[in-house]
Amino acid sequence: MLACAVILIGTTSCSGSKADDKAGNTPGSTTSASGTPGASNTQSGPEEKLPDLTTAQVVAAFTGKGYTCSTDEAYQTCAQGATSIQVLIGKQPRPPVLSLQATGVAAEATTKLADFAPQALELAHVNPRGQIADWLKQQQGKASAQTTAGNWTVEFSTESESDQPGAILTLTDKLCKVDCGAE
């Protein structure tokens, strides 16, 4: 811990740890999810790690927010307007596959998906949701991209040559070993 220092105008300023100083974080400053000091959409400190939810708990969270949910073979699908989430059904401690979707022309669907992702990832208790949502925003104008975040493989793609065009963000649990995909 660094010691307090008296500033010339007679106020006292205390700093946090040396690690905070090196990261550019000072007490009272704000940092956005993208790591930009002072940006709007701020949060203080690191993102809270949320506990894993089962598929049933994820579906209950979306139902509680007014989404209409139904079962389609191996997935529970919760939809509202032009956005939906598909959650792979299984006995794992958390869903091994989550697929967020937005329908429409690729550019519009990607924007809808980027707007939907923060709330959807929070409801599903995905960690690190902020990193994934920020990455998705950077994919505007791209047809596809892939990254990893925490224990997730994250894939983004757009579909324009089908009867239901749109944008899709698929998260696959890298820790899953059995029954990790639809048969």
Protein backbone atom coordinates (compact mmCIF):
# COMPACT_ATOMS: atom_id res chain seq x y z
CA MET A 1 0.00 0.00 0.00
CA LEU A 2 1.35 3.43 -0.82
CA ALA A 3 1.34 6.10 1.88
CA CYS A 4 -0.94 9.13 1.81
CA ALA A 5 0.55 12.35 0.50
CA VAL A 6 -0.49 15.91 1.27
CA ILE A 7 -1.20 17.95 -1.84
CA LEU A 8 -0.31 21.64 -1.92
CA ILE A 9 -3.89 22.84 -1.67
CA GLY A 10 -4.28 21.10 1.67
CA THR A 11 -6.22 17.99 0.69
CA THR A 12 -5.05 14.46 1.25
CA SER A 13 -4.74 11.97 -1.55
CA CYS A 14 -4.31 8.25 -0.96
CA SER A 15 -3.45 5.75 -3.60
CA GLY A 16 -4.31 2.07 -3.77
CA SER A 17 -1.79 -0.64 -4.49
CA LYS A 18 1.18 -0.26 -6.81
CA ALA A 19 -0.57 -2.64 -9.22
CA ASP A 20 -3.51 -0.22 -9.38
CA ASP A 21 -1.16 2.67 -10.14
CA LYS A 22 0.59 0.74 -12.91
CA ALA A 23 -2.78 -0.15 -14.46
CA GLY A 24 -3.76 3.53 -14.50
CA ASN A 25 -6.49 3.00 -11.91
CA THR A 26 -6.80 5.56 -9.20
CA PRO A 27 -9.40 5.56 -6.44
CA GLY A 28 -12.56 7.24 -7.63
CA SER A 29 -11.70 6.82 -11.31
CA THR A 30 -13.92 4.74 -13.53
CA THR A 31 -13.02 2.24 -16.16
CA SER A 32 -15.37 0.90 -18.81
CA ALA A 33 -15.70 -2.79 -19.60
CA SER A 34 -13.28 -2.18 -22.48
CA GLY A 35 -10.68 -0.85 -20.05
CA THR A 36 -10.95 2.76 -21.17
CA PRO A 37 -10.63 5.11 -18.18
CA GLY A 38 -13.51 7.55 -17.79
CA ALA A 39 -15.60 6.09 -20.62
CA SER A 40 -19.36 5.99 -20.28
CA ASN A 41 -20.91 2.65 -19.40
CA THR A 42 -18.50 2.43 -16.50
CA GLN A 43 -17.96 -0.15 -13.84
CA SER A 44 -15.75 -0.01 -10.83
CA GLY A 45 -13.17 -2.73 -10.55
CA PRO A 46 -13.16 -6.12 -12.14
CA GLU A 47 -16.35 -7.79 -13.31
CA GLU A 48 -18.09 -9.90 -10.67
CA LYS A 49 -17.63 -13.63 -11.31
CA LEU A 50 -21.07 -15.20 -11.37
CA PRO A 51 -21.71 -18.82 -10.34
CA ASP A 52 -22.42 -21.40 -13.04
CA LEU A 53 -26.09 -22.07 -13.80
CA THR A 54 -27.65 -25.25 -15.12
CA THR A 55 -29.62 -25.17 -18.35
CA ALA A 56 -32.89 -25.09 -16.38
CA GLN A 57 -31.67 -22.11 -14.34
CA VAL A 58 -30.61 -20.22 -17.50
CA VAL A 59 -34.03 -20.84 -19.06
CA ALA A 60 -35.75 -19.72 -15.83
CA ALA A 61 -33.71 -16.48 -15.87
CA PHE A 62 -34.84 -15.70 -19.44
CA THR A 63 -38.45 -16.67 -18.69
CA GLY A 64 -38.34 -14.27 -15.74
CA LYS A 65 -37.37 -11.46 -18.14
CA GLY A 66 -40.35 -12.11 -20.41
CA TYR A 67 -38.75 -14.36 -23.03
CA THR A 68 -40.86 -17.15 -24.53
CA CYS A 69 -39.01 -20.46 -24.13
CA SER A 70 -39.57 -23.80 -25.84
CA THR A 71 -37.75 -27.07 -26.42
CA ASP A 72 -36.44 -27.94 -29.87
CA GLU A 73 -34.76 -31.37 -29.88
CA ALA A 74 -31.49 -30.85 -27.96
CA TYR A 75 -31.93 -27.14 -27.19
CA GLN A 76 -34.08 -24.86 -25.07
CA THR A 77 -34.75 -21.74 -27.11
CA CYS A 78 -35.80 -18.47 -25.47
CA ALA A 79 -36.90 -15.71 -27.84
CA GLN A 80 -38.10 -12.14 -27.66
CA GLY A 81 -38.57 -10.10 -30.82
CA ALA A 82 -35.64 -10.49 -33.22
CA THR A 83 -33.29 -12.00 -30.59
CA SER A 84 -33.03 -15.45 -29.06
CA ILE A 85 -30.74 -17.73 -27.11
CA GLN A 86 -30.40 -21.47 -27.57
CA VAL A 87 -29.13 -23.44 -24.59
CA LEU A 88 -27.95 -27.03 -25.07
CA ILE A 89 -29.86 -29.37 -22.79
CA GLY A 90 -27.75 -31.70 -20.67
CA LYS A 91 -26.65 -32.74 -17.20
CA GLN A 92 -23.49 -30.63 -17.11
CA PRO A 93 -23.00 -28.10 -14.28
CA ARG A 94 -23.40 -25.36 -16.89
CA PRO A 95 -24.65 -25.43 -20.48
CA PRO A 96 -21.86 -26.66 -22.77
CA VAL A 97 -23.21 -24.58 -25.69
CA LEU A 98 -24.97 -21.22 -25.74
CA SER A 99 -25.99 -19.64 -29.02
CA LEU A 100 -27.20 -16.02 -29.15
CA GLN A 101 -28.97 -15.01 -32.33
CA ALA A 102 -30.45 -11.93 -33.96
CA THR A 103 -32.40 -12.02 -37.21
CA GLY A 104 -32.24 -9.53 -40.06
CA VAL A 105 -29.77 -8.18 -42.58
CA ALA A 106 -26.19 -8.92 -41.43
CA ALA A 107 -25.20 -5.38 -40.38
CA GLU A 108 -28.48 -4.72 -38.54
CA ALA A 109 -28.48 -8.20 -36.98
CA THR A 110 -24.90 -7.77 -35.75
CA THR A 111 -25.88 -4.51 -34.05
CA LYS A 112 -28.95 -6.16 -32.49
CA LEU A 113 -26.79 -9.06 -31.33
CA ALA A 114 -24.19 -6.71 -29.80
CA ASP A 115 -27.00 -4.90 -27.94
CA PHE A 116 -28.54 -8.19 -26.74
CA ALA A 117 -25.31 -9.92 -25.69
CA PRO A 118 -24.49 -8.07 -22.43
CA GLN A 119 -27.87 -8.84 -20.83
CA ALA A 120 -28.03 -12.37 -22.28
CA LEU A 121 -24.52 -13.26 -21.09
CA GLU A 122 -25.30 -11.88 -17.63
CA LEU A 123 -28.58 -13.82 -17.38
CA ALA A 124 -26.73 -17.00 -18.41
CA HIS A 125 -23.91 -16.25 -15.89
CA VAL A 126 -21.17 -16.37 -18.52
CA ASN A 127 -17.72 -15.37 -17.26
CA PRO A 128 -16.05 -13.19 -18.63
CA ARG A 129 -19.18 -11.69 -20.17
CA GLY A 130 -17.83 -8.13 -20.49
CA GLN A 131 -14.81 -9.28 -22.49
CA ILE A 132 -17.05 -11.30 -24.84
CA ALA A 133 -19.54 -8.44 -25.30
CA ASP A 134 -16.72 -5.97 -26.04
CA TRP A 135 -15.16 -8.38 -28.55
CA LEU A 136 -18.53 -8.84 -30.28
CA LYS A 137 -18.91 -5.07 -30.75
CA GLN A 138 -15.61 -5.08 -32.64
CA GLN A 139 -16.95 -7.62 -35.16
CA GLN A 140 -19.31 -5.14 -36.84
CA GLY A 141 -18.87 -5.44 -40.62
CA LYS A 142 -17.22 -8.87 -40.46
CA ALA A 143 -18.78 -12.09 -41.73
CA SER A 144 -17.17 -14.30 -39.08
CA ALA A 145 -14.58 -14.36 -36.32
CA GLN A 146 -13.41 -16.59 -33.46
CA THR A 147 -11.71 -16.04 -30.10
CA THR A 148 -11.44 -17.57 -26.66
CA ALA A 149 -12.52 -15.96 -23.40
CA GLY A 150 -12.13 -17.66 -20.06
CA ASN A 151 -13.22 -21.27 -20.54
CA TRP A 152 -15.24 -20.51 -23.66
CA THR A 153 -14.53 -20.81 -27.37
CA VAL A 154 -16.45 -17.91 -28.91
CA GLU A 155 -17.54 -17.88 -32.55
CA PHE A 156 -19.34 -15.10 -34.41
CA SER A 157 -20.90 -15.48 -37.83
CA THR A 158 -23.49 -13.91 -40.09
CA GLU A 159 -25.87 -15.75 -42.35
CA SER A 160 -27.22 -14.07 -45.46
CA GLU A 161 -27.81 -16.97 -47.87
CA SER A 162 -30.68 -18.57 -45.99
CA ASP A 163 -34.40 -18.14 -45.44
CA GLN A 164 -33.62 -16.63 -42.01
CA PRO A 165 -30.60 -14.28 -42.28
CA GLY A 166 -28.98 -12.91 -39.16
CA ALA A 167 -26.01 -12.92 -36.80
CA ILE A 168 -24.99 -15.69 -34.38
CA LEU A 169 -22.67 -15.76 -31.37
CA THR A 170 -21.89 -19.31 -30.22
CA LEU A 171 -20.10 -20.09 -26.96
CA THR A 172 -18.74 -23.60 -26.43
CA ASP A 173 -17.44 -24.73 -23.04
CA LYS A 174 -13.78 -25.79 -23.45
CA LEU A 175 -14.01 -27.79 -20.18
CA CYS A 176 -16.88 -30.01 -21.34
CA LYS A 177 -15.79 -33.61 -22.06
CA VAL A 178 -19.05 -35.59 -22.49
CA ASP A 179 -22.31 -34.70 -24.29
CA CYS A 180 -20.90 -31.35 -25.39
CA GLY A 181 -22.91 -30.88 -28.56
CA ALA A 182 -26.20 -31.73 -30.21
CA GLU A 183 -26.33 -35.25 -31.60
